[in-house]
Amino acid sequence: MIRIVKLSFDPARSADFEAIFEARRHAIRHFPGCHHLELWKDKMHPGVYFTYSTWDDTAALDAYRHSPLFTEVWASIKGWFSGKPEAWSLDRKA
């Protein structure tokens, strides 16, 4: 399963977000059921990021989303959002 999440932050918090992501990237990437994780930054909109990750299935993603690791990361960044996060769960078809 592919998961894409759009995160819109106050651009003044971009460096803070990138530092937190870098500090937790390895742990997220090695969470059971996660096979790949990337962070993308929008070229035209400062403060807009996308995460691209692949998971075994919805259950693996849900286990991460209910883990202490996710809770810690989310608590650190949730006050920095300038817009509501958006997320898509996708299956590769071709």
PDB file of N, CA and C in Angstrom:
ATOM      1  N   MET A   1       0.834  -1.162   0.000  1.00  0.00           N
ATOM      2  CA  MET A   1       0.000   0.000   0.000  1.00  0.00           C
ATOM      3  C   MET A   1       0.889   1.238   0.000  1.00  0.00           C
ATOM      4  N   ILE A   2       0.496   2.208  -0.796  1.00  0.00           N
ATOM      5  CA  ILE A   2       1.218   3.480  -0.854  1.00  0.00           C
ATOM      6  C   ILE A   2       0.444   4.501  -0.041  1.00  0.00           C
ATOM      7  N   ARG A   3       1.159   5.298   0.724  1.00  0.00           N
ATOM      8  CA  ARG A   3       0.534   6.355   1.527  1.00  0.00           C
ATOM      9  C   ARG A   3       1.219   7.673   1.190  1.00  0.00           C
ATOM     10  N   ILE A   4       0.424   8.647   0.783  1.00  0.00           N
ATOM     11  CA  ILE A   4       0.919   9.993   0.520  1.00  0.00           C
ATOM     12  C   ILE A   4       0.199  10.935   1.469  1.00  0.00           C
ATOM     13  N   VAL A   5       0.974  11.752   2.174  1.00  0.00           N
ATOM     14  CA  VAL A   5       0.405  12.707   3.126  1.00  0.00           C
ATOM     15  C   VAL A   5       0.932  14.092   2.782  1.00  0.00           C
ATOM     16  N   LYS A   6       0.012  15.044   2.666  1.00  0.00           N
ATOM     17  CA  LYS A   6       0.366  16.444   2.420  1.00  0.00           C
ATOM     18  C   LYS A   6       0.317  17.188   3.754  1.00  0.00           C
ATOM     19  N   LEU A   7       1.415  17.864   4.071  1.00  0.00           N
ATOM     20  CA  LEU A   7       1.547  18.616   5.318  1.00  0.00           C
ATOM     21  C   LEU A   7       1.878  20.058   4.973  1.00  0.00           C
ATOM     22  N   SER A   8       1.052  20.979   5.427  1.00  0.00           N
ATOM     23  CA  SER A   8       1.264  22.409   5.165  1.00  0.00           C
ATOM     24  C   SER A   8       1.609  23.103   6.473  1.00  0.00           C
ATOM     25  N   PHE A   9       2.812  23.645   6.531  1.00  0.00           N
ATOM     26  CA  PHE A   9       3.310  24.306   7.732  1.00  0.00           C
ATOM     27  C   PHE A   9       3.521  25.793   7.498  1.00  0.00           C
ATOM     28  N   ASP A  10       3.554  26.539   8.578  1.00  0.00           N
ATOM     29  CA  ASP A  10       4.057  27.908   8.531  1.00  0.00           C
ATOM     30  C   ASP A  10       5.490  27.789   7.995  1.00  0.00           C
ATOM     31  N   PRO A  11       5.823  28.482   6.899  1.00  0.00           N
ATOM     32  CA  PRO A  11       7.172  28.352   6.336  1.00  0.00           C
ATOM     33  C   PRO A  11       8.290  28.627   7.341  1.00  0.00           C
ATOM     34  N   ALA A  12       8.015  29.420   8.352  1.00  0.00           N
ATOM     35  CA  ALA A  12       9.033  29.698   9.375  1.00  0.00           C
ATOM     36  C   ALA A  12       9.382  28.446  10.181  1.00  0.00           C
ATOM     37  N   ARG A  13       8.536  27.409  10.108  1.00  0.00           N
ATOM     38  CA  ARG A  13       8.786  26.168  10.857  1.00  0.00           C
ATOM     39  C   ARG A  13       9.386  25.070   9.977  1.00  0.00           C
ATOM     40  N   SER A  14       9.673  25.383   8.714  1.00  0.00           N
ATOM     41  CA  SER A  14      10.189  24.365   7.790  1.00  0.00           C
ATOM     42  C   SER A  14      11.453  23.687   8.302  1.00  0.00           C
ATOM     43  N   ALA A  15      12.412  24.461   8.754  1.00  0.00           N
ATOM     44  CA  ALA A  15      13.670  23.876   9.244  1.00  0.00           C
ATOM     45  C   ALA A  15      13.414  22.994  10.462  1.00  0.00           C
ATOM     46  N   ASP A  16      12.505  23.417  11.332  1.00  0.00           N
ATOM     47  CA  ASP A  16      12.164  22.612  12.511  1.00  0.00           C
ATOM     48  C   ASP A  16      11.545  21.283  12.090  1.00  0.00           C
ATOM     49  N   PHE A  17      10.607  21.342  11.146  1.00  0.00           N
ATOM     50  CA  PHE A  17       9.976  20.110  10.676  1.00  0.00           C
ATOM     51  C   PHE A  17      11.006  19.185  10.033  1.00  0.00           C
ATOM     52  N   GLU A  18      11.849  19.730   9.178  1.00  0.00           N
ATOM     53  CA  GLU A  18      12.858  18.902   8.520  1.00  0.00           C
ATOM     54  C   GLU A  18      13.795  18.248   9.539  1.00  0.00           C
ATOM     55  N   ALA A  19      14.134  18.969  10.592  1.00  0.00           N
ATOM     56  CA  ALA A  19      15.008  18.399  11.634  1.00  0.00           C
ATOM     57  C   ALA A  19      14.313  17.250  12.359  1.00  0.00           C
ATOM     58  N   ILE A  20      13.042  17.419  12.690  1.00  0.00           N
ATOM     59  CA  ILE A  20      12.306  16.344  13.366  1.00  0.00           C
ATOM     60  C   ILE A  20      12.164  15.139  12.441  1.00  0.00           C
ATOM     61  N   PHE A  21      11.829  15.396  11.188  1.00  0.00           N
ATOM     62  CA  PHE A  21      11.699  14.291  10.238  1.00  0.00           C
ATOM     63  C   PHE A  21      13.018  13.533  10.125  1.00  0.00           C
ATOM     64  N   GLU A  22      14.106  14.250   9.976  1.00  0.00           N
ATOM     65  CA  GLU A  22      15.407  13.592   9.838  1.00  0.00           C
ATOM     66  C   GLU A  22      15.757  12.782  11.086  1.00  0.00           C
ATOM     67  N   ALA A  23      15.441  13.316  12.257  1.00  0.00           N
ATOM     68  CA  ALA A  23      15.747  12.620  13.508  1.00  0.00           C
ATOM     69  C   ALA A  23      14.921  11.343  13.677  1.00  0.00           C
ATOM     70  N   ARG A  24      13.716  11.294  13.104  1.00  0.00           N
ATOM     71  CA  ARG A  24      12.813  10.145  13.285  1.00  0.00           C
ATOM     72  C   ARG A  24      12.696   9.271  12.034  1.00  0.00           C
ATOM     73  N   ARG A  25      13.284   9.710  10.935  1.00  0.00           N
ATOM     74  CA  ARG A  25      13.154   9.001   9.659  1.00  0.00           C
ATOM     75  C   ARG A  25      13.541   7.531   9.754  1.00  0.00           C
ATOM     76  N   HIS A  26      14.659   7.262  10.359  1.00  0.00           N
ATOM     77  CA  HIS A  26      15.141   5.878  10.460  1.00  0.00           C
ATOM     78  C   HIS A  26      14.149   5.020  11.246  1.00  0.00           C
ATOM     79  N   ALA A  27      13.655   5.536  12.361  1.00  0.00           N
ATOM     80  CA  ALA A  27      12.715   4.769  13.184  1.00  0.00           C
ATOM     81  C   ALA A  27      11.404   4.513  12.446  1.00  0.00           C
ATOM     82  N   ILE A  28      10.923   5.517  11.729  1.00  0.00           N
ATOM     83  CA  ILE A  28       9.684   5.328  10.962  1.00  0.00           C
ATOM     84  C   ILE A  28       9.918   4.320   9.844  1.00  0.00           C
ATOM     85  N   ARG A  29      11.011   4.482   9.123  1.00  0.00           N
ATOM     86  CA  ARG A  29      11.326   3.602   7.998  1.00  0.00           C
ATOM     87  C   ARG A  29      11.480   2.148   8.430  1.00  0.00           C
ATOM     88  N   HIS A  30      11.926   1.934   9.658  1.00  0.00           N
ATOM     89  CA  HIS A  30      12.122   0.575  10.150  1.00  0.00           C
ATOM     90  C   HIS A  30      10.989   0.098  11.054  1.00  0.00           C
ATOM     91  N   PHE A  31       9.891   0.831  11.084  1.00  0.00           N
ATOM     92  CA  PHE A  31       8.721   0.374  11.820  1.00  0.00           C
ATOM     93  C   PHE A  31       8.184  -0.876  11.114  1.00  0.00           C
ATOM     94  N   PRO A  32       7.746  -1.886  11.866  1.00  0.00           N
ATOM     95  CA  PRO A  32       7.248  -3.105  11.214  1.00  0.00           C
ATOM     96  C   PRO A  32       6.160  -2.797  10.179  1.00  0.00           C
ATOM     97  N   GLY A  33       6.368  -3.315   8.975  1.00  0.00           N
ATOM     98  CA  GLY A  33       5.394  -3.131   7.904  1.00  0.00           C
ATOM     99  C   GLY A  33       5.691  -1.983   6.970  1.00  0.00           C
ATOM    100  N   CYS A  34       6.646  -1.106   7.316  1.00  0.00           N
ATOM    101  CA  CYS A  34       7.029  -0.005   6.439  1.00  0.00           C
ATOM    102  C   CYS A  34       8.213  -0.450   5.586  1.00  0.00           C
ATOM    103  N   HIS A  35       8.117  -0.220   4.281  1.00  0.00           N
ATOM    104  CA  HIS A  35       9.171  -0.646   3.365  1.00  0.00           C
ATOM    105  C   HIS A  35       9.919   0.511   2.727  1.00  0.00           C
ATOM    106  N   HIS A  36       9.325   1.697   2.750  1.00  0.00           N
ATOM    107  CA  HIS A  36       9.947   2.827   2.071  1.00  0.00           C
ATOM    108  C   HIS A  36       9.376   4.111   2.659  1.00  0.00           C
ATOM    109  N   LEU A  37      10.214   5.153   2.730  1.00  0.00           N
ATOM    110  CA  LEU A  37       9.762   6.446   3.233  1.00  0.00           C
ATOM    111  C   LEU A  37      10.582   7.541   2.572  1.00  0.00           C
ATOM    112  N   GLU A  38       9.893   8.535   2.022  1.00  0.00           N
ATOM    113  CA  GLU A  38      10.547   9.703   1.431  1.00  0.00           C
ATOM    114  C   GLU A  38       9.830  10.959   1.900  1.00  0.00           C
ATOM    115  N   LEU A  39      10.568  12.057   1.941  1.00  0.00           N
ATOM    116  CA  LEU A  39      10.000  13.376   2.213  1.00  0.00           C
ATOM    117  C   LEU A  39      10.227  14.237   0.987  1.00  0.00           C
ATOM    118  N   TRP A  40       9.162  14.857   0.498  1.00  0.00           N
ATOM    119  CA  TRP A  40       9.228  15.744  -0.657  1.00  0.00           C
ATOM    120  C   TRP A  40       8.801  17.135  -0.226  1.00  0.00           C
ATOM    121  N   LYS A  41       9.416  18.163  -0.806  1.00  0.00           N
ATOM    122  CA  LYS A  41       9.074  19.559  -0.515  1.00  0.00           C
ATOM    123  C   LYS A  41       8.569  20.218  -1.792  1.00  0.00           C
ATOM    124  N   ASP A  42       7.446  20.907  -1.690  1.00  0.00           N
ATOM    125  CA  ASP A  42       6.852  21.593  -2.838  1.00  0.00           C
ATOM    126  C   ASP A  42       7.761  22.733  -3.290  1.00  0.00           C
ATOM    127  N   LYS A  43       8.039  22.796  -4.581  1.00  0.00           N
ATOM    128  CA  LYS A  43       8.924  23.837  -5.125  1.00  0.00           C
ATOM    129  C   LYS A  43       8.277  25.215  -5.149  1.00  0.00           C
ATOM    130  N   MET A  44       6.957  25.270  -5.251  1.00  0.00           N
ATOM    131  CA  MET A  44       6.263  26.543  -5.430  1.00  0.00           C
ATOM    132  C   MET A  44       5.635  27.093  -4.150  1.00  0.00           C
ATOM    133  N   HIS A  45       5.471  26.257  -3.140  1.00  0.00           N
ATOM    134  CA  HIS A  45       4.777  26.668  -1.920  1.00  0.00           C
ATOM    135  C   HIS A  45       5.641  26.365  -0.694  1.00  0.00           C
ATOM    136  N   PRO A  46       6.331  27.367  -0.172  1.00  0.00           N
ATOM    137  CA  PRO A  46       7.167  27.145   1.011  1.00  0.00           C
ATOM    138  C   PRO A  46       6.319  26.614   2.166  1.00  0.00           C
ATOM    139  N   GLY A  47       6.844  25.647   2.843  1.00  0.00           N
ATOM    140  CA  GLY A  47       6.137  25.080   3.989  1.00  0.00           C
ATOM    141  C   GLY A  47       5.251  23.905   3.646  1.00  0.00           C
ATOM    142  N   VAL A  48       5.126  23.547   2.355  1.00  0.00           N
ATOM    143  CA  VAL A  48       4.290  22.410   1.965  1.00  0.00           C
ATOM    144  C   VAL A  48       5.191  21.211   1.669  1.00  0.00           C
ATOM    145  N   TYR A  49       4.886  20.117   2.349  1.00  0.00           N
ATOM    146  CA  TYR A  49       5.649  18.871   2.237  1.00  0.00           C
ATOM    147  C   TYR A  49       4.702  17.717   1.937  1.00  0.00           C
ATOM    148  N   PHE A  50       5.288  16.673   1.379  1.00  0.00           N
ATOM    149  CA  PHE A  50       4.561  15.422   1.174  1.00  0.00           C
ATOM    150  C   PHE A  50       5.438  14.294   1.694  1.00  0.00           C
ATOM    151  N   THR A  51       4.829  13.350   2.372  1.00  0.00           N
ATOM    152  CA  THR A  51       5.531  12.111   2.681  1.00  0.00           C
ATOM    153  C   THR A  51       4.997  11.042   1.745  1.00  0.00           C
ATOM    154  N   TYR A  52       5.894  10.199   1.290  1.00  0.00           N
ATOM    155  CA  TYR A  52       5.560   9.082   0.418  1.00  0.00           C
ATOM    156  C   TYR A  52       6.109   7.843   1.099  1.00  0.00           C
ATOM    157  N   SER A  53       5.234   6.923   1.427  1.00  0.00           N
ATOM    158  CA  SER A  53       5.684   5.715   2.110  1.00  0.00           C
ATOM    159  C   SER A  53       4.950   4.506   1.567  1.00  0.00           C
ATOM    160  N   THR A  54       5.572   3.344   1.723  1.00  0.00           N
ATOM    161  CA  THR A  54       4.922   2.097   1.325  1.00  0.00           C
ATOM    162  C   THR A  54       4.846   1.195   2.552  1.00  0.00           C
ATOM    163  N   TRP A  55       3.721   0.503   2.652  1.00  0.00           N
ATOM    164  CA  TRP A  55       3.388  -0.326   3.815  1.00  0.00           C
ATOM    165  C   TRP A  55       2.879  -1.678   3.353  1.00  0.00           C
ATOM    166  N   ASP A  56       3.007  -2.671   4.225  1.00  0.00           N
ATOM    167  CA  ASP A  56       2.461  -3.994   3.920  1.00  0.00           C
ATOM    168  C   ASP A  56       0.976  -3.899   3.593  1.00  0.00           C
ATOM    169  N   ASP A  57       0.248  -3.182   4.451  1.00  0.00           N
ATOM    170  CA  ASP A  57      -1.199  -3.088   4.316  1.00  0.00           C
ATOM    171  C   ASP A  57      -1.729  -2.029   5.283  1.00  0.00           C
ATOM    172  N   THR A  58      -3.036  -1.860   5.296  1.00  0.00           N
ATOM    173  CA  THR A  58      -3.667  -0.872   6.163  1.00  0.00           C
ATOM    174  C   THR A  58      -3.398  -1.173   7.631  1.00  0.00           C
ATOM    175  N   ALA A  59      -3.384  -2.445   7.992  1.00  0.00           N
ATOM    176  CA  ALA A  59      -3.142  -2.816   9.394  1.00  0.00           C
ATOM    177  C   ALA A  59      -1.759  -2.356   9.856  1.00  0.00           C
ATOM    178  N   ALA A  60      -0.749  -2.486   9.009  1.00  0.00           N
ATOM    179  CA  ALA A  60       0.603  -2.043   9.371  1.00  0.00           C
ATOM    180  C   ALA A  60       0.639  -0.528   9.547  1.00  0.00           C
ATOM    181  N   LEU A  61       0.000   0.199   8.636  1.00  0.00           N
ATOM    182  CA  LEU A  61      -0.057   1.655   8.760  1.00  0.00           C
ATOM    183  C   LEU A  61      -0.811   2.054  10.025  1.00  0.00           C
ATOM    184  N   ASP A  62      -1.929   1.399  10.290  1.00  0.00           N
ATOM    185  CA  ASP A  62      -2.700   1.711  11.497  1.00  0.00           C
ATOM    186  C   ASP A  62      -1.897   1.430  12.764  1.00  0.00           C
ATOM    187  N   ALA A  63      -1.103   0.359  12.760  1.00  0.00           N
ATOM    188  CA  ALA A  63      -0.256   0.059  13.921  1.00  0.00           C
ATOM    189  C   ALA A  63       0.727   1.205  14.154  1.00  0.00           C
ATOM    190  N   TYR A  64       1.313   1.732  13.089  1.00  0.00           N
ATOM    191  CA  TYR A  64       2.209   2.878  13.219  1.00  0.00           C
ATOM    192  C   TYR A  64       1.449   4.098  13.733  1.00  0.00           C
ATOM    193  N   ARG A  65       0.280   4.366  13.159  1.00  0.00           N
ATOM    194  CA  ARG A  65      -0.496   5.555  13.529  1.00  0.00           C
ATOM    195  C   ARG A  65      -0.977   5.511  14.979  1.00  0.00           C
ATOM    196  N   HIS A  66      -0.974   4.334  15.599  1.00  0.00           N
ATOM    197  CA  HIS A  66      -1.370   4.203  17.002  1.00  0.00           C
ATOM    198  C   HIS A  66      -0.176   3.916  17.913  1.00  0.00           C
ATOM    199  N   SER A  67       1.018   4.112  17.390  1.00  0.00           N
ATOM    200  CA  SER A  67       2.231   3.812  18.150  1.00  0.00           C
ATOM    201  C   SER A  67       2.729   5.026  18.931  1.00  0.00           C
ATOM    202  N   PRO A  68       3.535   4.803  19.964  1.00  0.00           N
ATOM    203  CA  PRO A  68       4.174   5.916  20.674  1.00  0.00           C
ATOM    204  C   PRO A  68       5.048   6.771  19.758  1.00  0.00           C
ATOM    205  N   LEU A  69       5.684   6.163  18.754  1.00  0.00           N
ATOM    206  CA  LEU A  69       6.522   6.919  17.815  1.00  0.00           C
ATOM    207  C   LEU A  69       5.685   7.955  17.069  1.00  0.00           C
ATOM    208  N   PHE A  70       4.559   7.548  16.511  1.00  0.00           N
ATOM    209  CA  PHE A  70       3.689   8.485  15.802  1.00  0.00           C
ATOM    210  C   PHE A  70       3.176   9.556  16.760  1.00  0.00           C
ATOM    211  N   THR A  71       2.752   9.155  17.938  1.00  0.00           N
ATOM    212  CA  THR A  71       2.231  10.106  18.928  1.00  0.00           C
ATOM    213  C   THR A  71       3.270  11.167  19.256  1.00  0.00           C
ATOM    214  N   GLU A  72       4.521  10.756  19.413  1.00  0.00           N
ATOM    215  CA  GLU A  72       5.603  11.689  19.726  1.00  0.00           C
ATOM    216  C   GLU A  72       5.836  12.674  18.573  1.00  0.00           C
ATOM    217  N   VAL A  73       5.922  12.141  17.357  1.00  0.00           N
ATOM    218  CA  VAL A  73       6.164  13.011  16.202  1.00  0.00           C
ATOM    219  C   VAL A  73       4.995  13.972  16.020  1.00  0.00           C
ATOM    220  N   TRP A  74       3.779  13.459  16.063  1.00  0.00           N
ATOM    221  CA  TRP A  74       2.600  14.291  15.831  1.00  0.00           C
ATOM    222  C   TRP A  74       2.490  15.393  16.883  1.00  0.00           C
ATOM    223  N   ALA A  75       2.775  15.062  18.143  1.00  0.00           N
ATOM    224  CA  ALA A  75       2.717  16.073  19.212  1.00  0.00           C
ATOM    225  C   ALA A  75       3.725  17.189  18.964  1.00  0.00           C
ATOM    226  N   SER A  76       4.857  16.846  18.377  1.00  0.00           N
ATOM    227  CA  SER A  76       5.904  17.842  18.109  1.00  0.00           C
ATOM    228  C   SER A  76       5.530  18.808  16.994  1.00  0.00           C
ATOM    229  N   ILE A  77       4.779  18.334  15.993  1.00  0.00           N
ATOM    230  CA  ILE A  77       4.537  19.157  14.798  1.00  0.00           C
ATOM    231  C   ILE A  77       3.131  19.719  14.674  1.00  0.00           C
ATOM    232  N   LYS A  78       2.170  19.195  15.407  1.00  0.00           N
ATOM    233  CA  LYS A  78       0.769  19.552  15.144  1.00  0.00           C
ATOM    234  C   LYS A  78       0.463  21.033  15.327  1.00  0.00           C
ATOM    235  N   GLY A  79       1.198  21.729  16.156  1.00  0.00           N
ATOM    236  CA  GLY A  79       0.970  23.153  16.352  1.00  0.00           C
ATOM    237  C   GLY A  79       1.530  24.021  15.236  1.00  0.00           C
ATOM    238  N   TRP A  80       2.263  23.434  14.306  1.00  0.00           N
ATOM    239  CA  TRP A  80       2.906  24.194  13.235  1.00  0.00           C
ATOM    240  C   TRP A  80       2.102  24.224  11.943  1.00  0.00           C
ATOM    241  N   PHE A  81       1.002  23.472  11.880  1.00  0.00           N
ATOM    242  CA  PHE A  81       0.239  23.382  10.637  1.00  0.00           C
ATOM    243  C   PHE A  81      -0.418  24.708  10.283  1.00  0.00           C
ATOM    244  N   SER A  82      -0.373  25.030   8.985  1.00  0.00           N
ATOM    245  CA  SER A  82      -1.092  26.199   8.475  1.00  0.00           C
ATOM    246  C   SER A  82      -2.328  25.767   7.697  1.00  0.00           C
ATOM    247  N   GLY A  83      -2.502  24.483   7.528  1.00  0.00           N
ATOM    248  CA  GLY A  83      -3.654  23.904   6.851  1.00  0.00           C
ATOM    249  C   GLY A  83      -3.851  22.487   7.346  1.00  0.00           C
ATOM    250  N   LYS A  84      -5.026  21.952   7.116  1.00  0.00           N
ATOM    251  CA  LYS A  84      -5.334  20.599   7.555  1.00  0.00           C
ATOM    252  C   LYS A  84      -4.527  19.579   6.748  1.00  0.00           C
ATOM    253  N   PRO A  85      -3.857  18.632   7.415  1.00  0.00           N
ATOM    254  CA  PRO A  85      -3.149  17.584   6.676  1.00  0.00           C
ATOM    255  C   PRO A  85      -4.137  16.786   5.812  1.00  0.00           C
ATOM    256  N   GLU A  86      -3.644  16.345   4.664  1.00  0.00           N
ATOM    257  CA  GLU A  86      -4.443  15.520   3.762  1.00  0.00           C
ATOM    258  C   GLU A  86      -3.678  14.222   3.528  1.00  0.00           C
ATOM    259  N   ALA A  87      -4.412  13.115   3.390  1.00  0.00           N
ATOM    260  CA  ALA A  87      -3.744  11.833   3.210  1.00  0.00           C
ATOM    261  C   ALA A  87      -4.510  10.973   2.208  1.00  0.00           C
ATOM    262  N   TRP A  88      -3.729  10.191   1.453  1.00  0.00           N
ATOM    263  CA  TRP A  88      -4.283   9.262   0.482  1.00  0.00           C
ATOM    264  C   TRP A  88      -3.613   7.911   0.676  1.00  0.00           C
ATOM    265  N   SER A  89      -4.413   6.856   0.681  1.00  0.00           N
ATOM    266  CA  SER A  89      -3.917   5.485   0.698  1.00  0.00           C
ATOM    267  C   SER A  89      -4.234   4.896  -0.671  1.00  0.00           C
ATOM    268  N   LEU A  90      -3.198   4.369  -1.338  1.00  0.00           N
ATOM    269  CA  LEU A  90      -3.323   3.946  -2.736  1.00  0.00           C
ATOM    270  C   LEU A  90      -2.783   2.546  -2.951  1.00  0.00           C
ATOM    271  N   ASP A  91      -3.331   1.877  -3.938  1.00  0.00           N
ATOM    272  CA  ASP A  91      -2.787   0.610  -4.410  1.00  0.00           C
ATOM    273  C   ASP A  91      -2.167   0.842  -5.779  1.00  0.00           C
ATOM    274  N   ARG A  92      -0.998   0.283  -5.990  1.00  0.00           N
ATOM    275  CA  ARG A  92      -0.343   0.373  -7.305  1.00  0.00           C
ATOM    276  C   ARG A  92      -1.105  -0.514  -8.284  1.00  0.00           C
ATOM    277  N   LYS A  93      -1.412   0.018  -9.452  1.00  0.00           N
ATOM    278  CA  LYS A  93      -2.164  -0.746 -10.454  1.00  0.00           C
ATOM    279  C   LYS A  93      -1.363  -1.032 -11.715  1.00  0.00           C
ATOM    280  N   ALA A  94      -0.298  -0.315 -11.957  1.00  0.00           N
ATOM    281  CA  ALA A  94       0.497  -0.579 -13.156  1.00  0.00           C
ATOM    282  C   ALA A  94       1.952  -0.290 -12.884  1.00  0.00           C
TER     283      ALA A  94
END
